[in-house]
Amino acid sequence: MSNYRIWVLATALSACLVAAPARSQDLGKAINSCASITDDGARLTCYDALAAMMGDVPESEATNAPAAATAAVVVAATISPLTDDIGKERLEPKDPDEQPRYASHVTSCKESIKSGQYFFTMENGQVWKQSNYRQLGFKNCDFDIEISKGTFGYQMYIPSKDRSVRVARVR
């Protein structure tokens, strides 16, 4: 089979999968989508895959549809439609006072020789790493902190120094 024919079949199958409805959706659109395919083999593959999905022809009898195509149609039938609530949490502004904050105490910190980033050890044994490359210049690492989740990861606020540092947990 030539590369062109494989490409045509893949394109036709993609059109089929996009238009392939679940039983309760519009069958006419899927049939029209298959009918619009100009290559005879690809069009037949689309119809066979659609028939197998609709249950009119058992998958094993859809001989002109390759096994991978039939499996792809079955997988496509389980995909849910995109609803309005998907991803909406990123659009709504968050009130900083409603975000949970966690208090702890830094018992020690070490500056990486390579990157200049700090590693902070908390009183409970957790280790957090500075995730930005701001120079901090800490000499004494014995202070209380508050950690909260921000837009780009976690933020460590040091009230005694009135300073914030982006951090990521290492251990």
N, C-alpha and C. Protein backbone atom coordinates (compact mmCIF):
# COMPACT_ATOMS: atom_id res chain seq x y z
N MET A 1 0.85 -1.17 0.00
CA MET A 1 0.00 0.00 0.00
C MET A 1 0.90 1.24 0.00
N SER A 2 0.63 2.18 -0.86
CA SER A 2 1.48 3.36 -0.99
C SER A 2 1.29 4.29 0.21
N ASN A 3 2.29 5.15 0.41
CA ASN A 3 2.21 6.13 1.50
C ASN A 3 1.03 7.05 1.31
N TYR A 4 0.74 7.41 0.06
CA TYR A 4 -0.39 8.29 -0.22
C TYR A 4 -1.69 7.63 0.21
N ARG A 5 -1.86 6.36 -0.12
CA ARG A 5 -3.08 5.65 0.23
C ARG A 5 -3.23 5.53 1.75
N ILE A 6 -2.09 5.27 2.43
CA ILE A 6 -2.13 5.22 3.89
C ILE A 6 -2.52 6.57 4.45
N TRP A 7 -1.97 7.64 3.89
CA TRP A 7 -2.31 8.99 4.35
C TRP A 7 -3.79 9.27 4.14
N VAL A 8 -4.32 8.89 2.97
CA VAL A 8 -5.74 9.11 2.67
C VAL A 8 -6.60 8.32 3.66
N LEU A 9 -6.22 7.07 3.93
CA LEU A 9 -6.99 6.27 4.89
C LEU A 9 -6.94 6.87 6.29
N ALA A 10 -5.77 7.33 6.71
CA ALA A 10 -5.64 7.94 8.03
C ALA A 10 -6.48 9.21 8.12
N THR A 11 -6.44 10.02 7.06
CA THR A 11 -7.24 11.24 7.04
C THR A 11 -8.73 10.92 7.08
N ALA A 12 -9.13 9.93 6.33
CA ALA A 12 -10.54 9.54 6.31
C ALA A 12 -10.97 9.02 7.67
N LEU A 13 -10.12 8.22 8.27
CA LEU A 13 -10.46 7.68 9.58
C LEU A 13 -10.55 8.80 10.60
N SER A 14 -9.66 9.79 10.51
CA SER A 14 -9.72 10.94 11.42
C SER A 14 -11.04 11.67 11.25
N ALA A 15 -11.45 11.88 10.00
CA ALA A 15 -12.73 12.55 9.76
C ALA A 15 -13.87 11.73 10.33
N CYS A 16 -13.75 10.43 10.20
CA CYS A 16 -14.76 9.52 10.74
C CYS A 16 -14.84 9.64 12.25
N LEU A 17 -13.67 9.62 12.89
CA LEU A 17 -13.64 9.65 14.35
C LEU A 17 -14.17 10.96 14.89
N VAL A 18 -13.86 12.05 14.20
CA VAL A 18 -14.35 13.34 14.64
C VAL A 18 -15.87 13.39 14.51
N ALA A 19 -16.38 12.83 13.43
CA ALA A 19 -17.81 12.90 13.19
C ALA A 19 -18.57 11.72 13.75
N ALA A 20 -17.87 10.66 14.19
CA ALA A 20 -18.56 9.46 14.67
C ALA A 20 -19.36 9.77 15.93
N PRO A 21 -20.66 9.60 15.90
CA PRO A 21 -21.47 9.97 17.05
C PRO A 21 -21.66 8.80 17.99
N ALA A 22 -22.04 9.07 19.21
CA ALA A 22 -22.54 8.04 20.10
C ALA A 22 -23.95 7.74 19.61
N ARG A 23 -24.56 6.67 20.13
CA ARG A 23 -25.87 6.26 19.63
C ARG A 23 -26.92 7.37 19.69
N SER A 24 -26.83 8.22 20.70
CA SER A 24 -27.86 9.25 20.87
C SER A 24 -27.59 10.52 20.08
N GLN A 25 -26.46 10.62 19.40
CA GLN A 25 -26.14 11.83 18.66
C GLN A 25 -26.58 11.72 17.21
N ASP A 26 -26.34 12.76 16.46
CA ASP A 26 -26.83 12.86 15.10
C ASP A 26 -26.07 11.94 14.14
N LEU A 27 -26.73 10.87 13.70
CA LEU A 27 -26.14 9.90 12.77
C LEU A 27 -25.98 10.49 11.37
N GLY A 28 -26.88 11.37 11.00
CA GLY A 28 -26.83 11.96 9.65
C GLY A 28 -25.53 12.71 9.39
N LYS A 29 -25.02 13.43 10.37
CA LYS A 29 -23.77 14.18 10.19
C LYS A 29 -22.61 13.22 9.93
N ALA A 30 -22.59 12.10 10.65
CA ALA A 30 -21.51 11.13 10.46
C ALA A 30 -21.58 10.50 9.09
N ILE A 31 -22.78 10.16 8.64
CA ILE A 31 -22.95 9.57 7.31
C ILE A 31 -22.52 10.56 6.24
N ASN A 32 -22.92 11.82 6.39
CA ASN A 32 -22.52 12.85 5.42
C ASN A 32 -21.01 13.04 5.41
N SER A 33 -20.39 12.93 6.58
CA SER A 33 -18.94 13.06 6.66
C SER A 33 -18.26 11.93 5.89
N CYS A 34 -18.76 10.70 6.07
CA CYS A 34 -18.21 9.57 5.32
C CYS A 34 -18.46 9.75 3.82
N ALA A 35 -19.64 10.22 3.47
CA ALA A 35 -20.00 10.37 2.06
C ALA A 35 -19.13 11.41 1.36
N SER A 36 -18.61 12.37 2.11
CA SER A 36 -17.81 13.43 1.50
C SER A 36 -16.39 12.98 1.18
N ILE A 37 -15.99 11.79 1.60
CA ILE A 37 -14.64 11.29 1.33
C ILE A 37 -14.57 10.80 -0.12
N THR A 38 -13.60 11.28 -0.86
CA THR A 38 -13.53 10.96 -2.30
C THR A 38 -12.88 9.61 -2.59
N ASP A 39 -11.92 9.18 -1.78
CA ASP A 39 -11.25 7.91 -2.02
C ASP A 39 -12.19 6.76 -1.64
N ASP A 40 -12.43 5.81 -2.58
CA ASP A 40 -13.37 4.72 -2.35
C ASP A 40 -13.01 3.88 -1.14
N GLY A 41 -11.75 3.49 -1.01
CA GLY A 41 -11.33 2.64 0.11
C GLY A 41 -11.46 3.35 1.44
N ALA A 42 -11.09 4.62 1.45
CA ALA A 42 -11.18 5.40 2.69
C ALA A 42 -12.64 5.60 3.09
N ARG A 43 -13.49 5.86 2.09
CA ARG A 43 -14.92 6.04 2.36
C ARG A 43 -15.52 4.77 2.95
N LEU A 44 -15.16 3.61 2.36
CA LEU A 44 -15.65 2.33 2.85
C LEU A 44 -15.15 2.07 4.27
N THR A 45 -13.90 2.42 4.54
CA THR A 45 -13.34 2.26 5.88
C THR A 45 -14.13 3.10 6.88
N CYS A 46 -14.48 4.31 6.48
CA CYS A 46 -15.26 5.19 7.34
C CYS A 46 -16.63 4.58 7.64
N TYR A 47 -17.31 4.11 6.59
CA TYR A 47 -18.62 3.48 6.79
C TYR A 47 -18.53 2.22 7.66
N ASP A 48 -17.50 1.39 7.41
CA ASP A 48 -17.34 0.17 8.20
C ASP A 48 -17.11 0.51 9.67
N ALA A 49 -16.25 1.49 9.92
CA ALA A 49 -15.97 1.88 11.30
C ALA A 49 -17.22 2.44 11.97
N LEU A 50 -17.98 3.22 11.24
CA LEU A 50 -19.22 3.79 11.77
C LEU A 50 -20.23 2.69 12.06
N ALA A 51 -20.37 1.74 11.16
CA ALA A 51 -21.30 0.62 11.37
C ALA A 51 -20.88 -0.22 12.57
N ALA A 52 -19.58 -0.47 12.72
CA ALA A 52 -19.10 -1.25 13.86
C ALA A 52 -19.40 -0.52 15.16
N MET A 53 -19.22 0.80 15.17
CA MET A 53 -19.48 1.56 16.37
C MET A 53 -20.97 1.61 16.71
N MET A 54 -21.80 1.68 15.69
CA MET A 54 -23.25 1.75 15.91
C MET A 54 -23.83 0.40 16.28
N GLY A 55 -23.04 -0.66 16.12
CA GLY A 55 -23.51 -1.98 16.50
C GLY A 55 -24.27 -2.68 15.39
N ASP A 56 -24.37 -2.07 14.21
CA ASP A 56 -25.09 -2.70 13.10
C ASP A 56 -24.30 -3.86 12.53
N VAL A 57 -22.98 -3.76 12.60
CA VAL A 57 -22.11 -4.82 12.11
C VAL A 57 -21.15 -5.14 13.24
N PRO A 58 -21.02 -6.40 13.64
CA PRO A 58 -20.06 -6.72 14.69
C PRO A 58 -18.66 -6.30 14.25
N GLU A 59 -17.85 -5.88 15.20
CA GLU A 59 -16.50 -5.42 14.88
C GLU A 59 -15.72 -6.45 14.09
N SER A 60 -15.92 -7.72 14.40
CA SER A 60 -15.18 -8.77 13.71
C SER A 60 -15.58 -8.89 12.24
N GLU A 61 -16.78 -8.41 11.87
CA GLU A 61 -17.22 -8.49 10.49
C GLU A 61 -16.92 -7.23 9.69
N ALA A 62 -16.43 -6.20 10.35
CA ALA A 62 -16.08 -4.97 9.64
C ALA A 62 -14.71 -5.19 9.00
N THR A 63 -14.69 -6.05 7.98
CA THR A 63 -13.43 -6.53 7.41
C THR A 63 -12.63 -5.46 6.71
N ASN A 64 -13.25 -4.46 6.17
CA ASN A 64 -12.51 -3.44 5.45
C ASN A 64 -11.89 -2.40 6.38
N ALA A 65 -12.30 -2.41 7.66
CA ALA A 65 -11.71 -1.48 8.61
C ALA A 65 -10.57 -2.19 9.32
N PRO A 66 -9.37 -1.64 9.28
CA PRO A 66 -8.26 -2.27 9.98
C PRO A 66 -8.54 -2.37 11.47
N ALA A 67 -7.90 -3.34 12.16
CA ALA A 67 -8.14 -3.54 13.59
C ALA A 67 -7.85 -2.27 14.38
N ALA A 68 -6.80 -1.55 14.01
CA ALA A 68 -6.47 -0.33 14.73
C ALA A 68 -7.57 0.72 14.56
N ALA A 69 -8.16 0.78 13.37
CA ALA A 69 -9.24 1.74 13.12
C ALA A 69 -10.45 1.41 13.97
N THR A 70 -10.80 0.13 14.05
CA THR A 70 -11.94 -0.28 14.84
C THR A 70 -11.70 0.02 16.31
N ALA A 71 -10.49 -0.25 16.79
CA ALA A 71 -10.17 0.04 18.19
C ALA A 71 -10.23 1.54 18.44
N ALA A 72 -9.77 2.35 17.48
CA ALA A 72 -9.80 3.80 17.64
C ALA A 72 -11.23 4.30 17.72
N VAL A 73 -12.13 3.71 16.94
CA VAL A 73 -13.53 4.12 16.98
C VAL A 73 -14.14 3.81 18.34
N VAL A 74 -13.80 2.65 18.90
CA VAL A 74 -14.32 2.29 20.22
C VAL A 74 -13.81 3.26 21.27
N VAL A 75 -12.53 3.62 21.20
CA VAL A 75 -11.97 4.58 22.13
C VAL A 75 -12.64 5.94 21.95
N ALA A 76 -12.86 6.36 20.71
CA ALA A 76 -13.48 7.65 20.44
C ALA A 76 -14.89 7.72 21.01
N ALA A 77 -15.58 6.59 21.09
CA ALA A 77 -16.93 6.58 21.63
C ALA A 77 -16.96 6.87 23.11
N THR A 78 -15.81 6.68 23.81
CA THR A 78 -15.78 6.92 25.25
C THR A 78 -15.34 8.34 25.59
N ILE A 79 -15.01 9.16 24.63
CA ILE A 79 -14.58 10.53 24.88
C ILE A 79 -15.81 11.40 25.15
N SER A 80 -15.74 12.16 26.24
CA SER A 80 -16.86 13.03 26.63
C SER A 80 -16.74 14.37 25.93
N PRO A 81 -17.86 15.03 25.70
CA PRO A 81 -17.80 16.36 25.09
C PRO A 81 -17.21 17.38 26.06
N LEU A 82 -16.63 18.41 25.53
CA LEU A 82 -16.04 19.48 26.32
C LEU A 82 -17.16 20.33 26.90
N THR A 83 -17.25 20.38 28.21
CA THR A 83 -18.30 21.15 28.88
C THR A 83 -17.75 22.47 29.38
N ASP A 84 -18.64 23.37 29.78
CA ASP A 84 -18.26 24.71 30.17
C ASP A 84 -17.41 24.75 31.44
N ASP A 85 -17.52 23.77 32.32
CA ASP A 85 -16.79 23.81 33.58
C ASP A 85 -15.33 23.34 33.45
N ILE A 86 -14.95 22.75 32.31
CA ILE A 86 -13.58 22.27 32.14
C ILE A 86 -12.63 23.46 31.97
N GLY A 87 -11.65 23.56 32.84
CA GLY A 87 -10.65 24.62 32.77
C GLY A 87 -11.12 25.96 33.30
N LYS A 88 -12.36 26.04 33.77
CA LYS A 88 -12.91 27.32 34.22
C LYS A 88 -12.20 27.85 35.47
N GLU A 89 -11.65 26.93 36.27
CA GLU A 89 -10.98 27.36 37.49
C GLU A 89 -9.79 28.28 37.20
N ARG A 90 -9.22 28.19 35.99
CA ARG A 90 -8.11 29.06 35.63
C ARG A 90 -8.58 30.45 35.22
N LEU A 91 -9.86 30.59 34.87
CA LEU A 91 -10.38 31.87 34.42
C LEU A 91 -10.88 32.75 35.56
N GLU A 92 -11.33 32.10 36.64
CA GLU A 92 -11.91 32.84 37.75
C GLU A 92 -10.80 33.33 38.67
N PRO A 93 -10.82 34.62 39.00
CA PRO A 93 -9.79 35.13 39.89
C PRO A 93 -9.93 34.51 41.28
N LYS A 94 -8.79 34.20 41.89
CA LYS A 94 -8.79 33.61 43.21
C LYS A 94 -8.53 34.67 44.25
N ASP A 95 -9.27 34.61 45.33
CA ASP A 95 -9.07 35.52 46.43
C ASP A 95 -7.87 35.03 47.24
N PRO A 96 -6.81 35.82 47.37
CA PRO A 96 -5.63 35.36 48.08
C PRO A 96 -5.92 34.98 49.54
N ASP A 97 -6.93 35.60 50.14
CA ASP A 97 -7.26 35.29 51.53
C ASP A 97 -7.93 33.92 51.66
N GLU A 98 -8.48 33.38 50.56
CA GLU A 98 -9.13 32.08 50.61
C GLU A 98 -8.17 30.93 50.31
N GLN A 99 -6.96 31.23 49.85
CA GLN A 99 -5.98 30.20 49.57
C GLN A 99 -5.40 29.68 50.88
N PRO A 100 -5.28 28.36 51.02
CA PRO A 100 -4.70 27.84 52.25
C PRO A 100 -3.22 28.21 52.38
N ARG A 101 -2.83 28.55 53.61
CA ARG A 101 -1.43 28.87 53.89
C ARG A 101 -0.97 27.94 55.01
N TYR A 102 0.29 27.58 54.95
CA TYR A 102 0.85 26.63 55.90
C TYR A 102 2.04 27.27 56.60
N ALA A 103 2.04 27.18 57.92
CA ALA A 103 3.11 27.79 58.71
C ALA A 103 4.14 26.74 59.08
N SER A 104 5.39 27.17 59.13
CA SER A 104 6.47 26.29 59.56
C SER A 104 7.63 27.17 60.02
N HIS A 105 8.72 26.51 60.33
CA HIS A 105 9.91 27.22 60.79
C HIS A 105 11.11 26.66 60.04
N VAL A 106 11.92 27.54 59.46
CA VAL A 106 13.13 27.13 58.77
C VAL A 106 14.22 26.98 59.83
N THR A 107 14.79 25.77 59.89
CA THR A 107 15.86 25.52 60.87
C THR A 107 17.24 25.71 60.27
N SER A 108 17.36 25.50 58.95
CA SER A 108 18.65 25.72 58.30
C SER A 108 18.43 25.94 56.81
N CYS A 109 19.42 26.54 56.17
CA CYS A 109 19.38 26.69 54.72
C CYS A 109 20.80 26.67 54.19
N LYS A 110 20.91 26.21 52.96
CA LYS A 110 22.22 26.16 52.29
C LYS A 110 22.06 26.70 50.89
N GLU A 111 23.05 27.46 50.47
CA GLU A 111 23.06 28.01 49.12
C GLU A 111 23.83 27.07 48.20
N SER A 112 23.23 26.73 47.05
CA SER A 112 23.89 25.89 46.07
C SER A 112 25.05 26.65 45.44
N ILE A 113 26.19 26.01 45.38
CA ILE A 113 27.36 26.66 44.77
C ILE A 113 27.15 26.85 43.28
N LYS A 114 26.52 25.86 42.63
CA LYS A 114 26.31 25.92 41.17
C LYS A 114 25.32 27.01 40.78
N SER A 115 24.13 26.97 41.38
CA SER A 115 23.06 27.84 40.90
C SER A 115 22.82 29.08 41.75
N GLY A 116 23.27 29.05 42.98
CA GLY A 116 23.00 30.17 43.88
C GLY A 116 21.63 30.08 44.53
N GLN A 117 20.89 29.02 44.23
CA GLN A 117 19.56 28.83 44.83
C GLN A 117 19.71 28.24 46.23
N TYR A 118 18.76 28.58 47.09
CA TYR A 118 18.79 28.10 48.47
C TYR A 118 17.95 26.84 48.64
N PHE A 119 18.40 25.99 49.56
CA PHE A 119 17.65 24.83 50.02
C PHE A 119 17.28 25.11 51.46
N PHE A 120 15.98 25.07 51.75
CA PHE A 120 15.49 25.37 53.10
C PHE A 120 15.04 24.08 53.77
N THR A 121 15.54 23.83 55.00
CA THR A 121 15.12 22.67 55.78
C THR A 121 14.16 23.16 56.85
N MET A 122 12.97 22.56 56.87
CA MET A 122 11.94 22.96 57.83
C MET A 122 12.06 22.14 59.11
N GLU A 123 11.37 22.59 60.15
CA GLU A 123 11.42 21.89 61.43
C GLU A 123 10.86 20.47 61.36
N ASN A 124 9.99 20.18 60.38
CA ASN A 124 9.42 18.83 60.26
C ASN A 124 10.26 17.93 59.35
N GLY A 125 11.40 18.41 58.87
CA GLY A 125 12.29 17.61 58.03
C GLY A 125 12.11 17.82 56.54
N GLN A 126 11.08 18.53 56.12
CA GLN A 126 10.88 18.80 54.70
C GLN A 126 12.00 19.71 54.19
N VAL A 127 12.35 19.51 52.91
CA VAL A 127 13.34 20.37 52.27
C VAL A 127 12.67 21.01 51.06
N TRP A 128 12.78 22.31 50.97
CA TRP A 128 12.22 23.09 49.87
C TRP A 128 13.36 23.83 49.20
N LYS A 129 13.28 23.92 47.87
CA LYS A 129 14.33 24.59 47.09
C LYS A 129 13.77 25.87 46.49
N GLN A 130 14.56 26.89 46.49
CA GLN A 130 14.22 28.14 45.82
C GLN A 130 14.06 27.83 44.34
N SER A 131 12.95 28.23 43.72
CA SER A 131 12.73 27.87 42.32
C SER A 131 12.99 29.02 41.36
N ASN A 132 13.32 30.18 41.88
CA ASN A 132 13.75 31.26 40.99
C ASN A 132 15.23 31.54 41.26
N TYR A 133 15.80 32.44 40.54
CA TYR A 133 17.24 32.69 40.67
C TYR A 133 17.53 34.06 41.28
N ARG A 134 16.62 34.54 42.12
CA ARG A 134 16.87 35.81 42.82
C ARG A 134 17.94 35.62 43.88
N GLN A 135 18.80 36.57 44.02
CA GLN A 135 19.81 36.49 45.07
C GLN A 135 19.15 36.85 46.38
N LEU A 136 19.31 35.98 47.36
CA LEU A 136 18.66 36.20 48.65
C LEU A 136 19.63 36.70 49.71
N GLY A 137 20.83 36.14 49.77
CA GLY A 137 21.84 36.61 50.71
C GLY A 137 21.50 36.36 52.17
N PHE A 138 20.92 35.21 52.49
CA PHE A 138 20.61 34.90 53.88
C PHE A 138 21.88 34.55 54.63
N LYS A 139 22.03 35.11 55.81
CA LYS A 139 23.15 34.76 56.67
C LYS A 139 22.64 33.90 57.83
N ASN A 140 21.49 34.23 58.35
CA ASN A 140 20.90 33.51 59.46
C ASN A 140 19.62 32.84 58.96
N CYS A 141 19.58 31.53 59.00
CA CYS A 141 18.40 30.81 58.52
C CYS A 141 17.66 30.18 59.70
N ASP A 142 17.05 31.01 60.50
CA ASP A 142 16.27 30.57 61.64
C ASP A 142 15.08 31.52 61.75
N PHE A 143 14.03 31.23 60.96
CA PHE A 143 12.89 32.13 60.93
C PHE A 143 11.61 31.38 60.61
N ASP A 144 10.48 31.99 60.95
CA ASP A 144 9.17 31.44 60.65
C ASP A 144 8.81 31.78 59.21
N ILE A 145 8.02 30.90 58.60
CA ILE A 145 7.60 31.13 57.21
C ILE A 145 6.15 30.71 57.04
N GLU A 146 5.57 31.15 55.94
CA GLU A 146 4.24 30.72 55.51
C GLU A 146 4.38 30.26 54.06
N ILE A 147 3.84 29.09 53.76
CA ILE A 147 3.88 28.59 52.38
C ILE A 147 2.46 28.54 51.84
N SER A 148 2.28 29.04 50.63
CA SER A 148 0.96 29.00 49.98
C SER A 148 1.15 28.65 48.52
N LYS A 149 0.10 28.11 47.92
CA LYS A 149 0.14 27.75 46.51
C LYS A 149 -0.21 28.97 45.70
N GLY A 150 0.64 29.29 44.74
CA GLY A 150 0.41 30.43 43.88
C GLY A 150 0.12 29.99 42.46
N THR A 151 0.08 30.91 41.55
CA THR A 151 -0.19 30.62 40.14
C THR A 151 0.89 29.75 39.53
N PHE A 152 2.14 29.99 39.89
CA PHE A 152 3.26 29.26 39.30
C PHE A 152 3.95 28.35 40.31
N GLY A 153 3.21 27.69 41.15
CA GLY A 153 3.80 26.79 42.14
C GLY A 153 3.59 27.34 43.53
N TYR A 154 4.56 27.09 44.40
CA TYR A 154 4.45 27.50 45.80
C TYR A 154 5.27 28.74 46.09
N GLN A 155 4.77 29.51 47.04
CA GLN A 155 5.39 30.76 47.45
C GLN A 155 5.69 30.64 48.95
N MET A 156 6.90 30.98 49.33
CA MET A 156 7.27 31.00 50.74
C MET A 156 7.41 32.45 51.16
N TYR A 157 6.60 32.84 52.16
CA TYR A 157 6.64 34.22 52.65
C TYR A 157 7.36 34.22 53.99
N ILE A 158 8.30 35.14 54.15
CA ILE A 158 9.07 35.27 55.38
C ILE A 158 8.63 36.58 56.05
N PRO A 159 7.71 36.50 57.02
CA PRO A 159 7.17 37.72 57.63
C PRO A 159 8.24 38.61 58.28
N SER A 160 9.23 38.02 58.94
CA SER A 160 10.25 38.84 59.64
C SER A 160 11.10 39.64 58.66
N LYS A 161 11.19 39.20 57.43
CA LYS A 161 11.98 39.91 56.42
C LYS A 161 11.09 40.59 55.38
N ASP A 162 9.78 40.40 55.52
CA ASP A 162 8.79 40.93 54.58
C ASP A 162 9.22 40.63 53.14
N ARG A 163 9.45 39.34 52.87
CA ARG A 163 10.00 38.91 51.59
C ARG A 163 9.35 37.60 51.18
N SER A 164 9.15 37.42 49.88
CA SER A 164 8.59 36.18 49.34
C SER A 164 9.60 35.54 48.40
N VAL A 165 9.57 34.20 48.39
CA VAL A 165 10.46 33.43 47.54
C VAL A 165 9.65 32.30 46.93
N ARG A 166 9.78 32.09 45.62
CA ARG A 166 9.12 30.94 44.99
C ARG A 166 9.93 29.70 45.34
N VAL A 167 9.21 28.63 45.75
CA VAL A 167 9.88 27.41 46.19
C VAL A 167 9.19 26.17 45.61
N ALA A 168 9.91 25.07 45.63
CA ALA A 168 9.37 23.76 45.23
C ALA A 168 9.90 22.75 46.24
N ARG A 169 9.05 21.82 46.61
CA ARG A 169 9.46 20.83 47.60
C ARG A 169 10.39 19.80 46.95
N VAL A 170 11.48 19.49 47.67
CA VAL A 170 12.46 18.54 47.19
C VAL A 170 12.33 17.22 47.95
N ARG A 171 12.09 17.32 49.24
CA ARG A 171 11.99 16.12 50.08
C ARG A 171 11.03 16.34 51.21
